[in-house]
Protein backbone atom coordinates (compact mmCIF):
# COMPACT_ATOMS: atom_id res chain seq x y z
CA MET A 1 165.79 263.93 -124.12
CA SER A 2 165.30 267.61 -124.90
CA GLY A 3 162.23 266.79 -127.01
CA ALA A 4 160.68 264.70 -124.27
CA GLY A 5 161.58 267.30 -121.68
CA SER A 6 159.91 270.06 -123.66
CA LEU A 7 156.65 268.11 -123.56
CA LEU A 8 156.52 268.00 -119.78
CA PRO A 9 155.18 271.56 -119.22
CA LEU A 10 152.56 270.98 -121.94
CA ARG A 11 151.44 267.74 -120.35
CA ALA A 12 151.24 269.38 -116.94
CA ARG A 13 149.15 272.21 -118.37
CA LEU A 14 146.80 269.77 -120.10
CA ARG A 15 146.34 267.89 -116.82
CA GLU A 16 145.57 271.21 -115.12
CA LEU A 17 143.05 272.20 -117.80
CA ARG A 18 141.33 268.82 -117.60
CA ALA A 19 141.13 268.95 -113.81
CA ASP A 20 139.64 272.44 -113.97
CA ALA A 21 137.07 271.35 -116.56
CA PHE A 22 135.97 268.48 -114.34
CA GLY A 23 134.84 271.07 -111.80
CA ALA A 24 134.52 270.30 -108.10
CA ASP A 25 132.56 267.82 -106.01
CA PRO A 26 130.08 269.21 -103.48
CA ALA A 27 131.36 269.29 -99.92
CA GLY A 28 130.63 270.76 -96.51
CA GLU A 29 127.25 272.44 -96.03
CA ARG A 30 126.44 272.00 -99.72
CA MET A 31 126.83 268.23 -99.36
CA ALA A 32 124.84 268.27 -96.13
CA ARG A 33 122.02 270.02 -97.96
CA ILE A 34 122.19 267.42 -100.74
CA ARG A 35 121.84 264.63 -98.19
CA ARG A 36 118.71 266.33 -96.80
CA SER A 37 117.09 266.45 -100.23
CA PRO A 38 113.98 264.27 -100.67
CA ASN A 39 115.39 263.41 -104.10
CA PHE A 40 118.64 261.97 -102.70
CA ALA A 41 118.71 258.37 -101.45
CA ASP A 42 121.23 255.55 -101.16
CA GLY A 43 124.05 258.02 -101.74
CA VAL A 44 122.85 259.36 -105.11
CA PHE A 45 120.20 261.60 -106.63
CA GLN A 46 117.21 259.62 -107.84
CA ASN A 47 115.10 260.01 -110.97
CA PRO A 48 111.35 260.65 -110.71
CA GLU A 49 110.94 257.39 -112.62
CA GLY A 50 113.55 254.68 -112.99
CA ALA A 51 116.01 255.27 -115.82
CA ARG A 52 118.69 253.12 -117.39
CA THR A 53 121.69 255.35 -117.95
CA ARG A 54 124.01 252.69 -119.30
CA PRO A 55 123.53 251.82 -122.97
CA SER A 56 121.09 248.94 -123.31
CA GLY A 57 121.49 246.16 -125.84
CA SER A 58 124.68 245.06 -127.53
CA THR A 59 127.72 247.27 -127.12
CA VAL A 60 129.09 245.80 -130.34
CA GLU A 61 125.94 246.74 -132.24
CA PHE A 62 126.05 250.26 -130.85
CA ALA A 63 129.69 250.63 -131.86
CA LYS A 64 128.88 249.43 -135.37
CA GLN A 65 126.12 252.00 -135.71
CA PHE A 66 128.08 254.88 -134.26
CA LEU A 67 131.46 254.27 -135.88
CA ALA A 68 130.54 252.92 -139.32
CA LYS A 69 131.70 255.23 -142.12
CA GLU A 70 128.28 255.50 -143.75
CA GLN A 71 126.68 256.22 -140.36
CA ARG A 72 129.19 258.98 -139.60
CA ALA A 73 128.33 260.63 -142.90
CA ARG A 74 124.60 260.75 -142.22
CA ARG A 75 125.18 262.29 -138.78
CA ALA A 76 126.53 265.52 -140.25
CA PRO A 77 125.09 268.12 -142.63
CA THR A 78 126.10 267.93 -146.30
CA GLY A 79 126.68 271.69 -146.47
CA THR A 80 127.12 274.79 -144.34
CA ILE A 81 124.50 275.30 -141.63
CA PRO A 82 122.79 278.67 -142.29
CA VAL A 83 123.50 280.56 -139.10
CA HIS A 84 121.50 283.78 -138.76
CA PRO A 85 123.99 286.66 -138.45
CA THR A 86 122.71 287.81 -135.08
CA THR A 87 123.84 291.23 -133.91
CA LEU A 88 123.17 293.17 -130.77
CA ALA A 89 120.87 295.35 -132.89
CA ASP A 90 118.64 292.30 -133.50
CA ILE A 91 117.97 291.95 -129.80
CA ALA A 92 118.49 295.52 -128.56
CA LYS A 93 114.91 296.61 -129.23
CA PRO A 94 112.48 295.10 -126.68
CA PRO A 95 110.15 292.45 -128.10
CA ALA A 96 106.82 293.94 -129.11
CA THR A 97 104.90 291.12 -127.41
CA GLY A 98 107.07 290.96 -124.29
CA LEU A 99 108.60 287.57 -125.16
CA ARG A 100 111.33 286.74 -127.67
CA LEU A 101 113.47 283.61 -128.01
CA THR A 102 116.80 283.23 -129.79
CA TRP A 103 118.13 279.70 -130.22
CA MET A 104 121.92 279.88 -130.17
CA GLY A 105 122.32 276.19 -131.07
CA HIS A 106 122.01 272.93 -129.11
CA SER A 107 120.28 273.80 -125.79
CA SER A 108 121.54 277.38 -125.56
CA VAL A 109 118.66 279.87 -125.71
CA LEU A 110 118.41 283.58 -124.96
CA ALA A 111 114.92 284.32 -123.63
CA GLU A 112 113.80 287.94 -123.35
CA ILE A 113 110.79 287.84 -121.10
CA ASP A 114 108.87 290.74 -119.58
CA GLY A 115 111.81 293.12 -119.71
CA ARG A 116 114.43 290.64 -118.46
CA ARG A 117 116.96 288.45 -120.22
CA VAL A 118 117.56 284.80 -119.35
CA LEU A 119 120.33 282.70 -120.90
CA PHE A 120 119.77 278.94 -120.75
CA ASP A 121 122.64 276.41 -120.89
CA PRO A 122 125.16 278.69 -122.64
CA VAL A 123 127.82 276.71 -124.50
CA TRP A 124 130.07 278.95 -126.58
CA GLY A 125 133.01 276.53 -126.59
CA GLU A 126 134.23 274.76 -129.71
CA ARG A 127 133.86 271.29 -128.14
CA CYS A 128 131.62 269.83 -125.45
CA SER A 129 134.49 268.07 -123.73
CA PRO A 130 136.99 268.52 -120.89
CA PHE A 131 139.70 268.63 -123.57
CA PRO A 132 140.27 271.49 -126.04
CA PHE A 133 141.57 269.06 -128.67
CA ALA A 134 139.13 266.12 -128.49
CA GLY A 135 135.45 265.40 -128.07
CA PRO A 136 132.32 266.39 -130.01
CA LYS A 137 133.01 269.53 -132.04
CA ARG A 138 130.35 272.07 -132.96
CA LEU A 139 128.96 271.83 -136.49
CA HIS A 140 128.30 275.55 -136.84
CA PRO A 141 129.83 278.68 -135.30
CA VAL A 142 128.09 280.50 -132.47
CA PRO A 143 125.73 283.13 -133.91
CA LEU A 144 127.51 285.98 -132.14
CA PRO A 145 130.34 286.41 -129.63
CA LEU A 146 129.36 286.10 -125.99
CA ALA A 147 130.65 289.63 -125.34
CA ALA A 148 128.22 290.97 -127.96
CA LEU A 149 125.20 289.44 -126.27
CA GLY A 150 124.54 292.40 -124.02
CA THR A 151 123.26 292.37 -120.45
CA VAL A 152 121.97 289.05 -119.11
CA ASP A 153 119.92 289.10 -115.90
CA VAL A 154 120.30 285.41 -115.06
CA VAL A 155 122.06 282.36 -116.48
CA VAL A 156 120.15 279.10 -116.00
CA ILE A 157 121.94 275.73 -116.07
CA SER A 158 119.98 272.46 -116.42
CA HIS A 159 122.75 270.02 -115.38
CA ASP A 160 126.50 269.58 -115.42
CA HIS A 161 127.16 267.61 -118.62
CA TYR A 162 129.67 269.26 -120.92
CA ASP A 163 127.17 270.15 -123.64
CA HIS A 164 125.16 272.18 -121.08
CA LEU A 165 127.78 273.48 -118.65
CA ASP A 166 130.84 274.84 -120.43
CA MET A 167 133.70 276.03 -118.23
CA PRO A 168 135.16 278.63 -120.65
CA THR A 169 131.72 280.16 -121.18
CA ILE A 170 131.02 280.33 -117.46
CA ARG A 171 134.38 281.99 -116.82
CA ASP A 172 133.62 284.57 -119.50
CA LEU A 173 130.25 285.28 -117.85
CA VAL A 174 131.71 285.76 -114.38
CA GLY A 175 132.95 289.24 -115.24
CA THR A 176 129.53 290.39 -116.46
CA GLY A 177 128.07 290.42 -112.95
CA THR A 178 125.17 288.17 -113.90
CA VAL A 179 123.63 285.73 -111.42
CA PHE A 180 123.21 281.99 -111.94
CA ALA A 181 120.36 279.58 -111.23
CA VAL A 182 121.51 275.97 -111.05
CA PRO A 183 120.34 272.60 -109.71
CA LEU A 184 121.46 271.45 -106.29
CA GLY A 185 125.19 270.62 -106.18
CA VAL A 186 126.11 272.34 -109.46
CA GLY A 187 127.14 275.45 -107.54
CA ALA A 188 130.33 273.63 -106.54
CA HIS A 189 131.51 273.72 -110.16
CA LEU A 190 130.67 277.40 -110.53
CA GLU A 191 132.47 278.43 -107.35
CA HIS A 192 135.50 276.40 -108.46
CA TRP A 193 135.52 278.48 -111.66
CA GLY A 194 135.31 281.80 -109.86
CA VAL A 195 131.59 282.59 -109.53
CA PRO A 196 130.97 284.24 -106.12
CA ALA A 197 128.65 282.19 -103.90
CA GLU A 198 126.32 285.16 -103.43
CA ARG A 199 125.59 285.17 -107.17
CA ILE A 200 124.42 281.54 -107.24
CA HIS A 201 120.83 280.41 -106.65
CA GLU A 202 121.14 276.65 -106.09
CA LEU A 203 117.79 274.87 -106.11
CA ASP A 204 116.32 271.46 -105.47
CA TRP A 205 113.33 270.30 -107.51
CA ASN A 206 110.24 272.42 -106.88
CA GLU A 207 112.24 275.20 -105.22
CA SER A 208 112.06 278.73 -106.63
CA ALA A 209 114.17 281.87 -106.67
CA LYS A 210 113.15 285.41 -107.55
CA VAL A 211 115.52 287.39 -109.77
CA ASN A 212 114.66 290.90 -110.98
CA GLY A 213 110.94 290.28 -111.14
CA LEU A 214 111.21 286.76 -112.56
CA THR A 215 110.39 283.55 -110.69
CA LEU A 216 112.65 280.65 -111.61
CA THR A 217 111.62 277.18 -110.52
CA ALA A 218 113.70 274.01 -110.82
CA THR A 219 111.37 271.20 -111.89
CA PRO A 220 112.00 267.46 -112.21
CA ALA A 221 113.68 265.80 -115.19
CA ARG A 222 114.65 262.21 -115.98
CA HIS A 223 118.36 262.17 -116.69
CA PHE A 224 121.69 261.93 -114.82
CA CYS A 225 124.82 263.98 -114.16
CA GLY A 226 128.59 263.87 -114.05
CA ARG A 227 131.75 265.39 -115.53
CA GLY A 228 134.52 263.06 -114.41
CA LEU A 229 135.56 259.43 -114.66
CA ARG A 230 134.23 258.87 -111.16
CA ASN A 231 130.62 260.03 -111.30
CA GLN A 232 129.20 260.17 -107.78
CA GLN A 233 125.72 261.40 -108.84
CA HIS A 234 126.01 264.24 -106.32
CA THR A 235 124.75 267.01 -108.62
CA LEU A 236 121.11 267.27 -109.60
CA TRP A 237 119.63 267.66 -113.08
CA ALA A 238 116.52 269.76 -113.70
CA SER A 239 114.11 271.31 -116.13
CA TRP A 240 113.18 274.96 -115.54
CA VAL A 241 110.09 277.17 -115.41
CA VAL A 242 110.59 280.91 -115.78
CA ALA A 243 107.59 283.12 -115.02
CA GLY A 244 107.43 286.88 -115.48
CA ALA A 245 104.64 289.38 -115.02
CA GLY A 246 102.97 288.39 -118.28
CA HIS A 247 104.62 285.26 -119.69
CA ARG A 248 105.68 281.74 -118.74
CA ILE A 249 108.27 279.58 -120.48
CA TYR A 250 109.70 276.10 -119.91
CA HIS A 251 113.14 274.66 -120.72
CA SER A 252 113.40 270.89 -120.49
CA GLY A 253 117.16 270.51 -120.13
CA ASP A 254 117.91 266.86 -120.92
CA THR A 255 115.26 264.33 -120.00
CA GLY A 256 113.55 261.14 -120.94
CA TYR A 257 109.80 261.13 -121.17
CA PHE A 258 108.01 260.68 -117.83
CA GLY A 259 104.59 261.28 -116.34
CA GLY A 260 105.77 264.27 -114.33
CA PHE A 261 105.33 266.62 -117.29
CA ARG A 262 101.61 266.68 -116.55
CA ASP A 263 102.28 267.65 -112.94
CA ILE A 264 104.66 270.44 -114.00
CA GLY A 265 102.06 271.76 -116.42
CA ALA A 266 99.29 271.62 -113.83
CA GLU A 267 101.42 273.47 -111.28
CA HIS A 268 103.12 276.05 -113.49
CA GLY A 269 101.49 276.09 -116.95
CA PRO A 270 100.22 276.69 -119.45
CA PHE A 271 103.27 278.12 -121.19
CA ASP A 272 103.67 280.66 -123.95
CA ALA A 273 106.58 278.59 -125.25
CA THR A 274 108.40 275.41 -124.37
CA MET A 275 111.98 274.56 -125.32
CA ILE A 276 112.05 270.77 -125.54
CA GLN A 277 114.98 268.35 -125.99
CA ILE A 278 114.35 266.25 -129.11
CA GLY A 279 117.86 265.21 -130.20
CA ALA A 280 120.60 262.70 -129.23
CA TYR A 281 118.01 259.97 -128.67
CA SER A 282 118.65 256.29 -129.32
CA GLU A 283 117.13 252.92 -128.62
CA PHE A 284 120.40 252.25 -126.78
CA TRP A 285 119.45 254.80 -124.05
CA PRO A 286 115.65 255.12 -124.24
CA ASP A 287 115.05 256.52 -120.74
CA ILE A 288 117.18 259.66 -120.60
CA HIS A 289 116.55 261.48 -123.90
CA MET A 290 113.32 261.96 -125.83
CA THR A 291 112.52 261.25 -129.44
CA PRO A 292 110.70 264.02 -131.31
CA ALA A 293 107.38 262.20 -130.83
CA GLU A 294 108.00 262.01 -127.10
CA GLY A 295 109.09 265.63 -126.99
CA LEU A 296 105.82 266.66 -128.62
CA ARG A 297 103.95 264.47 -126.15
CA ALA A 298 105.80 266.19 -123.29
CA HIS A 299 104.81 269.61 -124.65
CA LEU A 300 101.15 268.60 -124.80
CA ASP A 301 101.34 267.22 -121.26
CA LEU A 302 102.81 270.50 -120.07
CA GLN A 303 99.95 272.36 -121.75
CA GLY A 304 97.21 270.30 -120.11
CA GLY A 305 96.83 267.93 -123.05
CA ALA A 306 95.88 270.61 -125.61
CA ALA A 307 97.78 272.06 -128.56
CA HIS A 308 98.74 275.41 -127.09
CA GLY A 309 101.69 277.79 -127.06
CA VAL A 310 104.75 277.13 -129.23
CA ILE A 311 107.23 274.28 -128.98
CA MET A 312 110.83 275.00 -130.01
CA PRO A 313 113.02 271.90 -130.42
CA ILE A 314 116.44 272.11 -128.79
CA HIS A 315 119.43 269.79 -128.25
CA TRP A 316 119.97 269.07 -131.93
CA GLY A 317 121.88 270.31 -134.97
CA THR A 318 125.02 271.63 -133.23
CA PHE A 319 126.88 268.58 -131.90
CA ASN A 320 127.01 264.99 -133.14
CA LEU A 321 126.03 262.94 -130.07
CA ALA A 322 123.96 259.96 -131.23
CA PRO A 323 123.57 257.46 -134.11
CA HIS A 324 120.53 259.14 -135.70
CA ALA A 325 120.74 261.20 -138.89
CA TRP A 326 121.64 264.85 -138.39
CA ALA A 327 118.35 266.25 -139.76
CA GLU A 328 116.10 263.61 -138.22
CA PRO A 329 115.13 265.53 -135.06
CA GLY A 330 113.98 268.60 -136.97
CA GLU A 331 112.11 266.61 -139.60
CA TRP A 332 110.38 264.30 -137.17
CA THR A 333 109.40 267.18 -134.91
CA LEU A 334 107.56 268.77 -137.84
CA ASP A 335 105.81 265.44 -138.47
CA ALA A 336 104.71 265.05 -134.86
CA ALA A 337 103.57 268.67 -134.57
CA GLU A 338 101.57 268.51 -137.80
CA GLU A 339 99.85 265.35 -136.62
CA ALA A 340 98.88 267.04 -133.34
CA GLY A 341 97.96 270.41 -134.85
CA GLN A 342 100.63 272.03 -132.70
CA ALA A 343 102.58 275.20 -133.55
CA VAL A 344 106.31 274.53 -133.76
CA ALA A 345 109.19 276.99 -134.22
CA VAL A 346 112.28 275.81 -136.10
CA PRO A 347 114.54 278.87 -136.28
CA ARG A 348 117.99 278.85 -137.76
CA PRO A 349 120.65 279.17 -135.06
CA GLY A 350 120.69 282.81 -133.98
CA GLU A 351 117.31 283.72 -135.48
CA PRO A 352 115.20 285.70 -132.96
CA PHE A 353 111.42 285.28 -132.99
CA GLU A 354 108.41 286.12 -130.85
CA PRO A 355 106.14 283.16 -130.08
CA ALA A 356 103.06 285.41 -130.30
CA GLY A 357 104.21 286.75 -133.68
CA THR A 358 105.45 285.10 -136.87
CA VAL A 359 106.95 281.74 -135.94
CA PRO A 360 109.82 280.44 -138.11
CA ALA A 361 108.61 277.31 -139.87
CA ASP A 362 110.97 276.88 -142.82
CA PRO A 363 112.67 273.44 -142.76
CA TRP A 364 116.04 275.02 -143.55
CA TRP A 365 117.99 271.79 -142.94
CA ARG A 366 116.58 270.11 -146.08
CA ALA A 367 118.96 272.05 -148.31
CA ILE A 368 122.01 270.61 -146.53
CA SER A 369 121.00 267.06 -145.60
CA ALA A 370 120.16 263.78 -147.23
CA PRO A 371 116.46 262.82 -147.25
CA VAL A 372 115.31 261.59 -143.85
CA ALA A 373 113.61 258.22 -143.53
CA ARG A 374 110.18 258.12 -141.88
CA PRO A 375 110.63 257.31 -138.87
CA TRP A 376 111.73 255.01 -136.13
CA ARG A 377 109.33 255.95 -133.35
CA ARG A 378 109.38 254.34 -129.97
CA PRO A 379 105.75 253.81 -128.89
CA ALA A 380 104.47 256.68 -126.75
CA PRO A 381 105.13 255.52 -123.20
CA VAL A 382 102.49 254.86 -120.58
CA PRO A 383 103.99 256.17 -117.32
CA ALA A 384 104.30 253.55 -114.61
CA PRO A 385 106.46 253.10 -111.52
CA VAL A 386 109.81 251.58 -112.41
CA VAL A 387 112.55 250.28 -110.13
CA ALA A 388 115.53 252.60 -110.52
CA ALA A 389 118.64 251.13 -112.11
CA PRO A 390 122.17 252.06 -111.05
CA GLU A 391 123.37 255.29 -112.58
CA ALA A 392 126.29 255.29 -115.02
CA ASP A 393 129.79 256.43 -114.25
CA LEU A 394 130.29 257.84 -117.73
CA ASP A 395 128.12 259.75 -120.16
CA LEU A 396 126.86 258.19 -123.37
CA ALA A 397 128.22 258.41 -126.90
CA GLY A 398 130.59 261.18 -125.88
CA GLU A 399 127.70 263.32 -124.61
CA ARG A 400 128.45 265.54 -121.68
């Protein structure tokens, strides 16, 4: 009895931690604003083009691919990922060209643009999960502690999945005084975790906020949302445009390919650099994540159809979220970029670079991965109106 009794406080604390990590549902005026959104219909946010968010095909076949021993082995590096030992000194001196990017792993990027510092989708936690003891675990350490990052002018969140919105990281950032730019509805999570409402810019698609001389615009994406078992689709997902006095950059968040990239490029481009999701794709969920070939196509669409600016692949290498080989996204991005004559940056996690300067091009992953097959490529899509399918209640393959 004493053993069982001693577990009760631990269980209660775990329930509390899980409930906190789930965040909070929008309510009150926030929910009223959501209902007024042109992107909200039939009780949920809608994609710009229809998207299947439940795994397509055979669940048994997916489970075989994802859980098979030989498949698990190919989804991880064979050695230690070479993290660049980033220090504050690396990023203390202003970029000579006015724009510098530092990929911190997955979709987390520090962008220093025209004298300001923007932190996209910061995930410093060990797992992208509501639980500290279960869920996808990072494959490499963060390049530097969050406290050593220095001043951040604005934190930008693309959507509320766990691998993009990390509660412990947000709570650590609250005390820095930074402001947050988030899609409509996501502010409910941040307020629940202690971010003052006056420090949150909560935007619908095609709305903008001005922060310290930067213009941040939430732009459409083709994805979905949710942190709990009961996903009400009441928080929006977005890609982001950040424009300063002399530079423009784009962060895709998570998205499937869709024709709206051309519209975003026409309205806000061209861009000095794009940060494009090219990992965690699968034929089992073809509408909500892009393959490397589709990511390159999206970059070209954003740039008016021409090879221009620099594409930096994100959303790969840090967490194991899909059946594909660990090194596949990096390798196939190089293939697609070479075919298009497009400049691509493939920095090690934590390696700062300036898109107008020397762009890191060394395929560093080859030293710690098995050879990558060439490739499964879904045919480049031809955008067309699609009837939207019901959104999923749960995320895919453990992805949050």
